[in-house]
């Protein structure tokens, strides 16, 4: 299959329009199962080192389970505040949409029980493969005008316990998935001037 310039332009637009959606942006509109499966399929077709496919996806719809995850977040968030005491904006940020979204997806990395091709020198490549799956899902969701928010302020061991996942699996991403009232023109943290966007020349080096 070959693609043309218009396909490349569409992909570029999707990449540039992808956002980490916060909880105050989601709406209550339900997502069809076939749409969720489309997002999951994008993850399943991500590249993985050694074709290891070391991922597991847990789709969470149950409200009681979400409430337990949210309680986990609140406790972890409280602990995180000490690192940002000098940044008053931190208390105003809505950093998750666990209860606001119809679907949460926990994405896990399965620890290998044998040597994996391409991972003997850099064992973390398996986890990086799972991150590729999440990126695929994020872009597919954006192409469907669905928002995803990645919640990282969690006690990952407690997430395993809540979802009844054994310790062979390590949480990589907890995703809040739902339709949103808007996609911001820029990342919210850029708009709030939490950080400045880095110039390409400061992070790209050519060796010729």
Protein backbone atom coordinates (compact mmCIF):
# COMPACT_ATOMS: atom_id res chain seq x y z
CA UNK A 1 0.00 0.00 0.00
CA UNK A 2 1.33 3.39 -0.99
CA UNK A 3 0.16 6.72 0.38
CA UNK A 4 0.10 10.15 -1.24
CA UNK A 5 0.73 13.66 0.02
CA UNK A 6 -2.86 14.14 1.14
CA UNK A 7 -2.59 11.09 3.41
CA UNK A 8 0.62 12.44 4.87
CA UNK A 9 -1.02 15.81 5.47
CA UNK A 10 -3.96 14.21 7.29
CA UNK A 11 -1.63 12.20 9.53
CA UNK A 12 0.40 15.32 10.30
CA UNK A 13 -2.78 17.20 11.22
CA UNK A 14 -3.85 14.40 13.58
CA UNK A 15 -0.42 14.38 15.24
CA UNK A 16 -0.47 18.17 15.70
CA UNK A 17 -4.06 18.12 17.01
CA UNK A 18 -3.56 15.34 19.58
CA UNK A 19 -4.05 16.54 23.15
CA UNK A 20 -3.88 15.18 26.68
CA UNK A 21 -7.49 15.92 27.59
CA UNK A 22 -8.27 16.99 31.16
CA UNK A 23 -11.28 15.93 33.19
CA UNK A 24 -13.09 19.27 32.87
CA UNK A 25 -13.21 18.93 29.08
CA UNK A 26 -15.03 15.59 28.77
CA UNK A 27 -18.76 15.22 28.07
CA UNK A 28 -21.07 12.34 29.01
CA UNK A 29 -21.67 11.03 25.47
CA UNK A 30 -21.31 7.25 25.29
CA UNK A 31 -18.77 5.55 23.02
CA UNK A 32 -19.87 2.59 20.90
CA UNK A 33 -18.09 -0.71 21.54
CA UNK A 34 -16.98 -0.93 17.89
CA UNK A 35 -15.33 2.48 18.28
CA UNK A 36 -13.48 1.35 21.41
CA UNK A 37 -12.40 -1.78 19.53
CA UNK A 38 -11.02 0.42 16.76
CA UNK A 39 -8.89 2.28 19.31
CA UNK A 40 -7.74 -1.00 20.88
CA UNK A 41 -6.89 -2.43 17.45
CA UNK A 42 -4.61 0.55 16.87
CA UNK A 43 -2.76 -0.44 20.04
CA UNK A 44 -2.60 -4.09 19.05
CA UNK A 45 -0.95 -3.11 15.77
CA UNK A 46 1.81 -1.03 17.34
CA UNK A 47 5.44 -1.98 16.77
CA UNK A 48 7.01 -4.15 19.47
CA UNK A 49 10.67 -5.10 19.83
CA UNK A 50 11.17 -8.77 18.97
CA UNK A 51 7.48 -8.91 17.98
CA UNK A 52 6.98 -9.51 21.68
CA UNK A 53 3.58 -7.77 21.92
CA UNK A 54 4.07 -7.41 25.70
CA UNK A 55 0.83 -5.59 26.38
CA UNK A 56 -2.46 -6.16 28.16
CA UNK A 57 -5.45 -3.83 27.97
CA UNK A 58 -8.12 -3.67 30.67
CA UNK A 59 -11.24 -1.73 29.69
CA UNK A 60 -12.99 -0.30 32.76
CA UNK A 61 -16.65 0.73 32.64
CA UNK A 62 -17.74 -0.24 36.17
CA UNK A 63 -18.34 2.87 38.29
CA UNK A 64 -17.27 1.27 41.58
CA UNK A 65 -13.95 0.25 40.06
CA UNK A 66 -13.46 3.78 38.72
CA UNK A 67 -14.16 5.19 42.16
CA UNK A 68 -11.43 2.99 43.65
CA UNK A 69 -8.99 4.19 40.99
CA UNK A 70 -10.03 7.78 41.67
CA UNK A 71 -9.40 7.30 45.39
CA UNK A 72 -5.94 5.99 44.46
CA UNK A 73 -5.38 9.13 42.35
CA UNK A 74 -6.48 11.50 45.12
CA UNK A 75 -4.07 9.94 47.59
CA UNK A 76 -1.19 10.01 45.09
CA UNK A 77 -2.03 13.58 44.06
CA UNK A 78 -1.90 14.73 47.68
CA UNK A 79 1.60 13.25 47.99
CA UNK A 80 2.72 14.92 44.76
CA UNK A 81 1.84 18.43 45.94
CA UNK A 82 5.03 18.75 48.00
CA UNK A 83 7.08 18.78 44.78
CA UNK A 84 5.23 21.80 43.38
CA UNK A 85 4.74 24.03 46.44
CA UNK A 86 6.14 27.03 44.59
CA UNK A 87 3.81 26.57 41.63
CA UNK A 88 0.35 27.73 42.67
CA UNK A 89 -1.14 26.63 39.34
CA UNK A 90 -0.70 22.99 40.37
CA UNK A 91 -3.72 23.16 42.69
CA UNK A 92 -5.93 24.47 39.89
CA UNK A 93 -5.07 21.81 37.30
CA UNK A 94 -7.68 19.13 36.63
CA UNK A 95 -5.27 16.29 35.97
CA UNK A 96 -7.63 13.38 35.33
CA UNK A 97 -11.07 12.39 34.03
CA UNK A 98 -11.47 9.02 35.71
CA UNK A 99 -15.10 9.54 36.74
CA UNK A 100 -16.00 11.92 33.89
CA UNK A 101 -15.31 9.46 31.07
CA UNK A 102 -17.44 6.44 30.08
CA UNK A 103 -14.35 4.32 29.47
CA UNK A 104 -11.03 3.96 31.25
CA UNK A 105 -8.32 1.76 29.75
CA UNK A 106 -5.43 0.47 31.83
CA UNK A 107 -2.47 -0.54 29.69
CA UNK A 108 0.01 -3.01 31.15
CA UNK A 109 3.43 -4.39 30.25
CA UNK A 110 3.94 -8.11 30.73
CA UNK A 111 7.34 -8.91 32.18
CA UNK A 112 9.06 -11.57 30.04
CA UNK A 113 9.82 -15.08 31.29
CA UNK A 114 12.49 -15.64 28.62
CA UNK A 115 15.05 -13.71 26.61
CA UNK A 116 13.43 -11.47 23.99
CA UNK A 117 15.00 -10.65 20.64
CA UNK A 118 16.25 -7.06 20.69
CA UNK A 119 15.85 -6.72 24.46
CA UNK A 120 18.97 -8.43 25.78
CA UNK A 121 20.95 -5.18 25.95
CA UNK A 122 18.11 -2.76 26.70
CA UNK A 123 15.52 -4.60 28.74
CA UNK A 124 13.27 -1.55 28.94
CA UNK A 125 12.51 -1.85 25.21
CA UNK A 126 9.50 -3.98 26.09
CA UNK A 127 7.97 -1.16 28.09
CA UNK A 128 8.77 1.28 25.30
CA UNK A 129 6.82 -0.99 22.96
CA UNK A 130 3.77 -0.59 25.21
CA UNK A 131 4.21 3.19 25.01
CA UNK A 132 4.10 2.87 21.21
CA UNK A 133 0.76 1.07 21.60
CA UNK A 134 -0.59 3.92 23.71
CA UNK A 135 0.54 6.48 21.14
CA UNK A 136 -1.23 4.52 18.40
CA UNK A 137 -4.41 4.49 20.48
CA UNK A 138 -4.12 8.21 21.18
CA UNK A 139 -3.80 9.09 17.51
CA UNK A 140 -6.63 6.77 16.46
CA UNK A 141 -8.87 8.26 19.15
CA UNK A 142 -8.05 11.78 17.95
CA UNK A 143 -8.90 10.80 14.37
CA UNK A 144 -12.32 9.75 15.72
CA UNK A 145 -12.67 13.06 17.61
CA UNK A 146 -12.37 11.24 20.93
CA UNK A 147 -10.18 12.55 23.71
CA UNK A 148 -7.71 10.63 25.86
CA UNK A 149 -6.17 11.75 29.11
CA UNK A 150 -3.18 9.83 30.49
CA UNK A 151 -3.25 9.59 34.30
CA UNK A 152 0.23 9.02 35.71
CA UNK A 153 -0.32 10.12 39.31
CA UNK A 154 -1.28 6.67 40.61
CA UNK A 155 0.10 3.95 42.85
CA UNK A 156 0.54 1.36 40.10
CA UNK A 157 0.63 -1.60 42.49
CA UNK A 158 -2.75 -0.62 43.90
CA UNK A 159 -4.13 -0.35 40.36
CA UNK A 160 -3.09 -3.97 39.78
CA UNK A 161 -4.87 -4.98 42.96
CA UNK A 162 -8.03 -3.07 42.09
CA UNK A 163 -8.19 -4.62 38.63
CA UNK A 164 -7.16 -8.08 39.86
CA UNK A 165 -4.04 -8.15 37.67
CA UNK A 166 -1.11 -10.19 38.95
CA UNK A 167 2.40 -8.82 39.42
CA UNK A 168 3.63 -10.29 36.13
CA UNK A 169 2.15 -7.14 34.65
CA UNK A 170 3.30 -3.56 35.25
CA UNK A 171 1.03 -0.57 34.69
CA UNK A 172 2.36 1.73 31.97
CA UNK A 173 -0.63 3.96 31.29
CA UNK A 174 -4.07 4.59 32.73
CA UNK A 175 -6.19 6.28 30.07
CA UNK A 176 -9.44 8.22 30.43
CA UNK A 177 -11.32 7.93 27.13
CA UNK A 178 -14.31 10.02 26.09
CA UNK A 179 -15.77 12.62 23.80
CA UNK A 180 -14.78 16.18 24.65
CA UNK A 181 -16.38 19.59 24.29
CA UNK A 182 -13.20 20.93 22.73
CA UNK A 183 -9.63 20.15 21.73
CA UNK A 184 -7.38 23.03 22.67
CA UNK A 185 -5.29 24.70 19.97
CA UNK A 186 -2.18 24.12 22.08
CA UNK A 187 -1.34 21.77 24.97
CA UNK A 188 -2.89 23.18 28.13
CA UNK A 189 0.43 23.32 29.99
CA UNK A 190 1.88 25.35 27.12
CA UNK A 191 -1.08 27.75 27.25
CA UNK A 192 -0.64 28.13 31.02
CA UNK A 193 3.10 28.68 30.50
CA UNK A 194 3.92 25.78 32.81
CA UNK A 195 6.72 24.95 30.38
CA UNK A 196 7.96 26.51 27.16
CA UNK A 197 7.94 24.58 23.89
CA UNK A 198 11.47 23.54 23.00
CA UNK A 199 12.94 24.67 19.71
CA UNK A 200 13.76 21.90 17.25
CA UNK A 201 17.38 23.01 17.02
CA UNK A 202 17.82 22.50 20.77
CA UNK A 203 16.85 18.82 20.68
CA UNK A 204 17.92 17.62 17.21
CA UNK A 205 21.52 16.81 16.39
CA UNK A 206 22.74 15.79 12.95
CA UNK A 207 25.82 13.59 12.57
CA UNK A 208 26.89 13.85 8.91
